[in-house]
Amino acid sequence: MAEPIAGLAHVGLRSANIERAIRFYHSLGFTTRQALSMEEPLGSVEVRFLALGELTLELYQLPWAGQPRAVATFGIDHLALRVSDLAAAQRWVEELGYPLTEGPALQPSGRNGVRYFMIAGPDGERVEFNQAL
C-alpha cells in the first residue's frame, strides 16, 4: 500500500489579528491567494490563504478577536522555510526589521543536517529559515 500522506497541503495559523499577520507574511514574500469569511456560532471567521512557491499558509482569525491566547492553545509552534543561502536570508530578515530569536545554529540530522535561525511571527509562532547541508 502506498503511503497515505503525499506532502504538505498547508499550515494553519490561528491569528489574533489577521491583518497584522497578513502584513508580516506579505513582507516575507507570501501573496494572498484566497480570502474567505465563514459564519460560526460566535460570529464570522476571517480566513486568508497565502502562498509562497509550493507552501500555503491558512491564516484565520476567530470571531473573538483580541482575546489573548494561552500558550497551551497554540496548534503550531513553528513553520520552517527552506532557503538556499542562510546568510543572505539572515541579512534579508534583519533588513526587514525582524530580530533573530534563535540561531544561527546547526541541527544535525540525517546525513548532514541543516543550519537554521528563527524569528518571531506576529502571534507567537516561530518562523524557521533553514538550509540543508
N, C-alpha and C. Protein backbone atom coordinates (compact mmCIF):
# COMPACT_ATOMS: atom_id res chain seq x y z
N MET A 1 0.84 -1.19 0.00
CA MET A 1 0.00 0.00 0.00
C MET A 1 0.88 1.25 0.00
N ALA A 2 0.53 2.20 -0.83
CA ALA A 2 1.27 3.46 -0.90
C ALA A 2 1.04 4.26 0.37
N GLU A 3 1.99 5.12 0.69
CA GLU A 3 1.84 5.99 1.86
C GLU A 3 0.63 6.90 1.66
N PRO A 4 -0.21 7.08 2.71
CA PRO A 4 -1.40 7.91 2.55
C PRO A 4 -1.10 9.41 2.50
N ILE A 5 0.02 9.81 3.01
CA ILE A 5 0.36 11.25 3.02
C ILE A 5 1.34 11.51 1.90
N ALA A 6 0.97 12.44 1.01
CA ALA A 6 1.80 12.74 -0.14
C ALA A 6 2.65 13.98 0.04
N GLY A 7 2.34 14.82 1.02
CA GLY A 7 3.10 16.04 1.22
C GLY A 7 2.32 17.04 2.06
N LEU A 8 2.80 18.22 2.13
CA LEU A 8 2.18 19.28 2.93
C LEU A 8 1.11 19.99 2.11
N ALA A 9 -0.11 20.06 2.63
CA ALA A 9 -1.19 20.78 1.95
C ALA A 9 -1.14 22.26 2.32
N HIS A 10 -1.11 22.55 3.61
CA HIS A 10 -0.96 23.92 4.09
C HIS A 10 -0.65 23.88 5.58
N VAL A 11 -0.26 25.02 6.10
CA VAL A 11 -0.04 25.18 7.53
C VAL A 11 -1.06 26.20 8.02
N GLY A 12 -1.85 25.82 9.02
CA GLY A 12 -2.86 26.71 9.57
C GLY A 12 -2.32 27.46 10.77
N LEU A 13 -2.46 28.78 10.75
CA LEU A 13 -2.01 29.62 11.85
C LEU A 13 -3.19 30.43 12.37
N ARG A 14 -3.57 30.18 13.61
CA ARG A 14 -4.63 30.95 14.25
C ARG A 14 -4.07 32.30 14.66
N SER A 15 -4.69 33.36 14.22
CA SER A 15 -4.17 34.70 14.40
C SER A 15 -5.07 35.54 15.30
N ALA A 16 -4.45 36.32 16.17
CA ALA A 16 -5.19 37.26 17.00
C ALA A 16 -5.57 38.51 16.19
N ASN A 17 -4.78 38.83 15.16
CA ASN A 17 -5.03 39.99 14.32
C ASN A 17 -4.63 39.61 12.90
N ILE A 18 -5.59 39.22 12.10
CA ILE A 18 -5.28 38.67 10.78
C ILE A 18 -4.61 39.69 9.87
N GLU A 19 -4.99 40.95 9.98
CA GLU A 19 -4.36 41.98 9.13
C GLU A 19 -2.89 42.12 9.45
N ARG A 20 -2.53 42.10 10.72
CA ARG A 20 -1.13 42.17 11.15
C ARG A 20 -0.37 40.95 10.63
N ALA A 21 -0.99 39.77 10.72
CA ALA A 21 -0.35 38.54 10.25
C ALA A 21 -0.15 38.58 8.73
N ILE A 22 -1.15 39.08 8.01
CA ILE A 22 -1.03 39.20 6.55
C ILE A 22 0.13 40.12 6.19
N ARG A 23 0.23 41.27 6.84
CA ARG A 23 1.34 42.20 6.56
C ARG A 23 2.69 41.52 6.82
N PHE A 24 2.79 40.79 7.93
CA PHE A 24 4.04 40.11 8.27
C PHE A 24 4.42 39.11 7.19
N TYR A 25 3.50 38.22 6.81
CA TYR A 25 3.83 37.20 5.82
C TYR A 25 3.98 37.77 4.42
N HIS A 26 3.26 38.84 4.08
CA HIS A 26 3.50 39.51 2.80
C HIS A 26 4.92 40.06 2.76
N SER A 27 5.41 40.60 3.89
CA SER A 27 6.77 41.15 3.90
C SER A 27 7.82 40.07 3.68
N LEU A 28 7.46 38.81 3.94
CA LEU A 28 8.38 37.69 3.71
C LEU A 28 8.24 37.11 2.30
N GLY A 29 7.35 37.70 1.48
CA GLY A 29 7.20 37.26 0.10
C GLY A 29 5.95 36.47 -0.22
N PHE A 30 5.12 36.17 0.78
CA PHE A 30 3.87 35.46 0.53
C PHE A 30 2.89 36.40 -0.16
N THR A 31 2.00 35.84 -0.97
CA THR A 31 0.93 36.62 -1.59
C THR A 31 -0.41 35.98 -1.20
N THR A 32 -1.44 36.81 -1.16
CA THR A 32 -2.78 36.30 -0.82
C THR A 32 -3.35 35.60 -2.04
N ARG A 33 -3.77 34.35 -1.83
CA ARG A 33 -4.34 33.54 -2.89
C ARG A 33 -5.86 33.50 -2.82
N GLN A 34 -6.41 33.51 -1.58
CA GLN A 34 -7.86 33.40 -1.42
C GLN A 34 -8.27 34.02 -0.09
N ALA A 35 -9.43 34.68 -0.07
CA ALA A 35 -9.98 35.26 1.15
C ALA A 35 -11.39 34.71 1.35
N LEU A 36 -11.68 34.28 2.57
CA LEU A 36 -12.99 33.72 2.90
C LEU A 36 -13.49 34.32 4.20
N SER A 37 -14.79 34.32 4.37
CA SER A 37 -15.42 34.67 5.63
C SER A 37 -16.47 33.60 5.90
N MET A 38 -16.32 32.89 7.02
CA MET A 38 -17.23 31.78 7.33
C MET A 38 -17.98 32.11 8.61
N GLU A 39 -19.27 31.79 8.63
CA GLU A 39 -20.09 32.04 9.81
C GLU A 39 -19.95 30.91 10.83
N GLU A 40 -19.70 31.28 12.07
CA GLU A 40 -19.61 30.36 13.21
C GLU A 40 -20.62 30.82 14.25
N PRO A 41 -20.92 30.02 15.25
CA PRO A 41 -21.89 30.42 16.28
C PRO A 41 -21.55 31.74 16.98
N LEU A 42 -20.24 32.04 17.15
CA LEU A 42 -19.86 33.28 17.83
C LEU A 42 -19.57 34.43 16.88
N GLY A 43 -19.78 34.22 15.59
CA GLY A 43 -19.54 35.29 14.62
C GLY A 43 -18.81 34.80 13.39
N SER A 44 -18.32 35.73 12.61
CA SER A 44 -17.67 35.43 11.34
C SER A 44 -16.18 35.14 11.54
N VAL A 45 -15.69 34.09 10.91
CA VAL A 45 -14.27 33.73 10.95
C VAL A 45 -13.64 34.20 9.64
N GLU A 46 -12.64 35.06 9.75
CA GLU A 46 -11.91 35.54 8.58
C GLU A 46 -10.78 34.57 8.28
N VAL A 47 -10.67 34.17 7.00
CA VAL A 47 -9.65 33.22 6.57
C VAL A 47 -8.94 33.78 5.34
N ARG A 48 -7.62 33.67 5.33
CA ARG A 48 -6.82 34.05 4.17
C ARG A 48 -5.85 32.93 3.87
N PHE A 49 -5.78 32.53 2.61
CA PHE A 49 -4.78 31.57 2.17
C PHE A 49 -3.67 32.36 1.48
N LEU A 50 -2.46 32.21 1.99
CA LEU A 50 -1.29 32.89 1.43
C LEU A 50 -0.37 31.84 0.82
N ALA A 51 0.32 32.20 -0.24
CA ALA A 51 1.18 31.23 -0.92
C ALA A 51 2.57 31.82 -1.16
N LEU A 52 3.56 30.95 -1.08
CA LEU A 52 4.94 31.26 -1.45
C LEU A 52 5.50 29.99 -2.06
N GLY A 53 5.68 29.99 -3.37
CA GLY A 53 6.11 28.76 -4.04
C GLY A 53 5.09 27.66 -3.79
N GLU A 54 5.56 26.52 -3.29
CA GLU A 54 4.67 25.39 -3.03
C GLU A 54 4.05 25.42 -1.64
N LEU A 55 4.42 26.40 -0.83
CA LEU A 55 3.94 26.48 0.55
C LEU A 55 2.68 27.33 0.63
N THR A 56 1.65 26.81 1.29
CA THR A 56 0.42 27.56 1.52
C THR A 56 0.18 27.70 3.01
N LEU A 57 -0.09 28.93 3.45
CA LEU A 57 -0.47 29.21 4.83
C LEU A 57 -1.95 29.54 4.86
N GLU A 58 -2.65 28.97 5.83
CA GLU A 58 -4.03 29.36 6.08
C GLU A 58 -4.01 30.19 7.36
N LEU A 59 -4.25 31.48 7.23
CA LEU A 59 -4.37 32.35 8.40
C LEU A 59 -5.85 32.48 8.72
N TYR A 60 -6.18 32.36 9.99
CA TYR A 60 -7.59 32.56 10.34
C TYR A 60 -7.70 33.30 11.66
N GLN A 61 -8.72 34.14 11.73
CA GLN A 61 -8.99 34.92 12.93
C GLN A 61 -10.39 34.56 13.40
N LEU A 62 -10.45 34.08 14.61
CA LEU A 62 -11.72 33.67 15.18
C LEU A 62 -12.58 34.88 15.53
N PRO A 63 -13.87 34.69 15.70
CA PRO A 63 -14.77 35.82 15.95
C PRO A 63 -14.44 36.60 17.22
N TRP A 64 -13.79 35.98 18.17
CA TRP A 64 -13.49 36.68 19.41
C TRP A 64 -12.13 37.34 19.32
N ALA A 65 -11.97 38.17 18.27
CA ALA A 65 -10.71 38.87 18.01
C ALA A 65 -10.25 39.65 19.24
N GLY A 66 -8.95 39.67 19.43
CA GLY A 66 -8.38 40.44 20.54
C GLY A 66 -8.26 39.67 21.82
N GLN A 67 -8.92 38.53 21.93
CA GLN A 67 -8.80 37.71 23.13
C GLN A 67 -7.39 37.13 23.19
N PRO A 68 -6.73 37.20 24.32
CA PRO A 68 -5.40 36.61 24.40
C PRO A 68 -5.49 35.09 24.30
N ARG A 69 -4.45 34.50 23.73
CA ARG A 69 -4.41 33.05 23.59
C ARG A 69 -3.40 32.49 24.57
N ALA A 70 -3.81 31.50 25.32
CA ALA A 70 -2.89 30.81 26.20
C ALA A 70 -1.91 30.01 25.35
N VAL A 71 -0.67 29.93 25.78
CA VAL A 71 0.34 29.19 25.04
C VAL A 71 -0.12 27.76 24.80
N ALA A 72 -0.83 27.17 25.75
CA ALA A 72 -1.27 25.78 25.62
C ALA A 72 -2.24 25.59 24.45
N THR A 73 -2.84 26.68 23.93
CA THR A 73 -3.79 26.53 22.83
C THR A 73 -3.11 26.65 21.46
N PHE A 74 -1.84 26.96 21.42
CA PHE A 74 -1.16 27.10 20.14
C PHE A 74 -1.13 25.74 19.44
N GLY A 75 -1.56 25.70 18.20
CA GLY A 75 -1.52 24.47 17.44
C GLY A 75 -0.24 24.32 16.66
N ILE A 76 0.43 25.42 16.35
CA ILE A 76 1.66 25.39 15.57
C ILE A 76 2.74 26.07 16.39
N ASP A 77 3.85 25.40 16.59
CA ASP A 77 4.99 26.00 17.28
C ASP A 77 5.83 26.82 16.30
N HIS A 78 6.08 26.25 15.14
CA HIS A 78 6.86 26.97 14.14
C HIS A 78 6.58 26.39 12.76
N LEU A 79 6.94 27.16 11.75
CA LEU A 79 6.96 26.64 10.40
C LEU A 79 8.36 26.87 9.87
N ALA A 80 8.81 25.95 9.07
CA ALA A 80 10.17 26.01 8.56
C ALA A 80 10.16 26.33 7.07
N LEU A 81 10.92 27.33 6.70
CA LEU A 81 11.04 27.74 5.31
C LEU A 81 12.43 27.36 4.81
N ARG A 82 12.47 26.65 3.69
CA ARG A 82 13.73 26.20 3.10
C ARG A 82 14.39 27.37 2.37
N VAL A 83 15.69 27.58 2.57
CA VAL A 83 16.44 28.61 1.85
C VAL A 83 17.71 27.99 1.28
N SER A 84 18.26 28.62 0.24
CA SER A 84 19.48 28.10 -0.35
C SER A 84 20.72 28.81 0.19
N ASP A 85 20.55 30.00 0.79
CA ASP A 85 21.68 30.76 1.34
C ASP A 85 21.24 31.35 2.67
N LEU A 86 21.60 30.69 3.75
CA LEU A 86 21.15 31.10 5.08
C LEU A 86 21.66 32.49 5.46
N ALA A 87 22.91 32.79 5.14
CA ALA A 87 23.47 34.10 5.49
C ALA A 87 22.71 35.22 4.77
N ALA A 88 22.39 35.02 3.50
CA ALA A 88 21.62 36.02 2.75
C ALA A 88 20.22 36.17 3.33
N ALA A 89 19.61 35.05 3.72
CA ALA A 89 18.28 35.11 4.34
C ALA A 89 18.33 35.87 5.66
N GLN A 90 19.38 35.66 6.44
CA GLN A 90 19.51 36.37 7.70
C GLN A 90 19.64 37.87 7.47
N ARG A 91 20.46 38.26 6.51
CA ARG A 91 20.59 39.70 6.20
C ARG A 91 19.24 40.28 5.79
N TRP A 92 18.50 39.54 4.98
CA TRP A 92 17.20 39.99 4.48
C TRP A 92 16.21 40.21 5.61
N VAL A 93 16.05 39.23 6.51
CA VAL A 93 15.06 39.39 7.59
C VAL A 93 15.48 40.49 8.56
N GLU A 94 16.79 40.65 8.76
CA GLU A 94 17.25 41.74 9.62
C GLU A 94 16.99 43.09 8.97
N GLU A 95 17.15 43.18 7.65
CA GLU A 95 16.81 44.42 6.93
C GLU A 95 15.32 44.72 7.04
N LEU A 96 14.49 43.67 7.11
CA LEU A 96 13.05 43.86 7.29
C LEU A 96 12.71 44.29 8.71
N GLY A 97 13.69 44.20 9.62
CA GLY A 97 13.47 44.63 11.00
C GLY A 97 13.06 43.50 11.93
N TYR A 98 13.23 42.25 11.52
CA TYR A 98 12.86 41.12 12.36
C TYR A 98 14.11 40.54 13.03
N PRO A 99 14.22 40.69 14.34
CA PRO A 99 15.40 40.16 15.03
C PRO A 99 15.35 38.64 15.12
N LEU A 100 16.53 38.04 15.13
CA LEU A 100 16.61 36.60 15.32
C LEU A 100 16.28 36.27 16.77
N THR A 101 15.51 35.21 16.97
CA THR A 101 15.19 34.76 18.31
C THR A 101 15.97 33.51 18.68
N GLU A 102 16.57 32.88 17.66
CA GLU A 102 17.37 31.67 17.88
C GLU A 102 18.30 31.50 16.71
N GLY A 103 19.53 31.07 17.00
CA GLY A 103 20.49 30.78 15.95
C GLY A 103 21.20 32.02 15.45
N PRO A 104 21.92 31.87 14.35
CA PRO A 104 22.03 30.69 13.53
C PRO A 104 22.68 29.54 14.30
N ALA A 105 22.22 28.34 13.99
CA ALA A 105 22.70 27.17 14.69
C ALA A 105 22.69 25.98 13.73
N LEU A 106 23.39 24.94 14.14
CA LEU A 106 23.44 23.70 13.38
C LEU A 106 22.53 22.69 14.05
N GLN A 107 21.69 22.06 13.25
CA GLN A 107 20.84 20.96 13.74
C GLN A 107 21.25 19.72 12.99
N PRO A 108 22.08 18.89 13.61
CA PRO A 108 22.47 17.66 12.90
C PRO A 108 21.29 16.72 12.78
N SER A 109 21.09 16.19 11.59
CA SER A 109 20.05 15.17 11.38
C SER A 109 20.34 14.49 10.06
N GLY A 110 19.89 13.29 9.94
CA GLY A 110 20.14 12.56 8.70
C GLY A 110 21.62 12.49 8.41
N ARG A 111 21.99 12.63 7.17
CA ARG A 111 23.41 12.57 6.80
C ARG A 111 24.16 13.82 7.19
N ASN A 112 23.56 14.99 6.94
CA ASN A 112 24.31 16.23 7.10
C ASN A 112 23.67 17.26 8.01
N GLY A 113 22.35 17.26 8.11
CA GLY A 113 21.65 18.23 8.95
C GLY A 113 21.36 19.53 8.23
N VAL A 114 20.99 20.53 9.02
CA VAL A 114 20.67 21.86 8.49
C VAL A 114 21.27 22.93 9.40
N ARG A 115 21.51 24.08 8.81
CA ARG A 115 21.80 25.28 9.59
C ARG A 115 20.52 26.08 9.55
N TYR A 116 20.19 26.76 10.67
CA TYR A 116 18.92 27.45 10.72
C TYR A 116 18.99 28.64 11.67
N PHE A 117 17.99 29.49 11.55
CA PHE A 117 17.72 30.52 12.56
C PHE A 117 16.22 30.70 12.62
N MET A 118 15.76 31.37 13.69
CA MET A 118 14.33 31.59 13.91
C MET A 118 14.07 33.08 14.12
N ILE A 119 12.87 33.50 13.69
CA ILE A 119 12.34 34.82 14.04
C ILE A 119 10.94 34.60 14.61
N ALA A 120 10.40 35.63 15.25
CA ALA A 120 9.06 35.53 15.84
C ALA A 120 8.03 36.03 14.84
N GLY A 121 6.93 35.28 14.73
CA GLY A 121 5.79 35.73 13.95
C GLY A 121 4.89 36.60 14.81
N PRO A 122 3.86 37.19 14.23
CA PRO A 122 3.03 38.15 14.95
C PRO A 122 2.14 37.56 16.04
N ASP A 123 1.94 36.25 16.04
CA ASP A 123 1.07 35.63 17.04
C ASP A 123 1.80 34.63 17.93
N GLY A 124 3.12 34.79 18.04
CA GLY A 124 3.89 33.91 18.91
C GLY A 124 4.45 32.68 18.23
N GLU A 125 4.04 32.44 16.98
CA GLU A 125 4.64 31.32 16.27
C GLU A 125 6.08 31.67 15.93
N ARG A 126 6.89 30.65 15.77
CA ARG A 126 8.28 30.86 15.38
C ARG A 126 8.40 30.51 13.90
N VAL A 127 9.16 31.32 13.18
CA VAL A 127 9.38 31.09 11.76
C VAL A 127 10.85 30.73 11.58
N GLU A 128 11.07 29.51 11.13
CA GLU A 128 12.43 29.00 10.96
C GLU A 128 12.85 29.13 9.50
N PHE A 129 14.08 29.56 9.29
CA PHE A 129 14.69 29.58 7.97
C PHE A 129 15.80 28.54 8.02
N ASN A 130 15.77 27.55 7.13
CA ASN A 130 16.81 26.52 7.20
C ASN A 130 17.40 26.21 5.85
N GLN A 131 18.68 25.84 5.91
CA GLN A 131 19.44 25.47 4.73
C GLN A 131 20.02 24.09 4.96
N ALA A 132 19.67 23.17 4.08
CA ALA A 132 20.22 21.82 4.17
C ALA A 132 21.71 21.86 3.87
N LEU A 133 22.45 21.03 4.60
CA LEU A 133 23.91 20.96 4.39
C LEU A 133 24.26 19.80 3.48
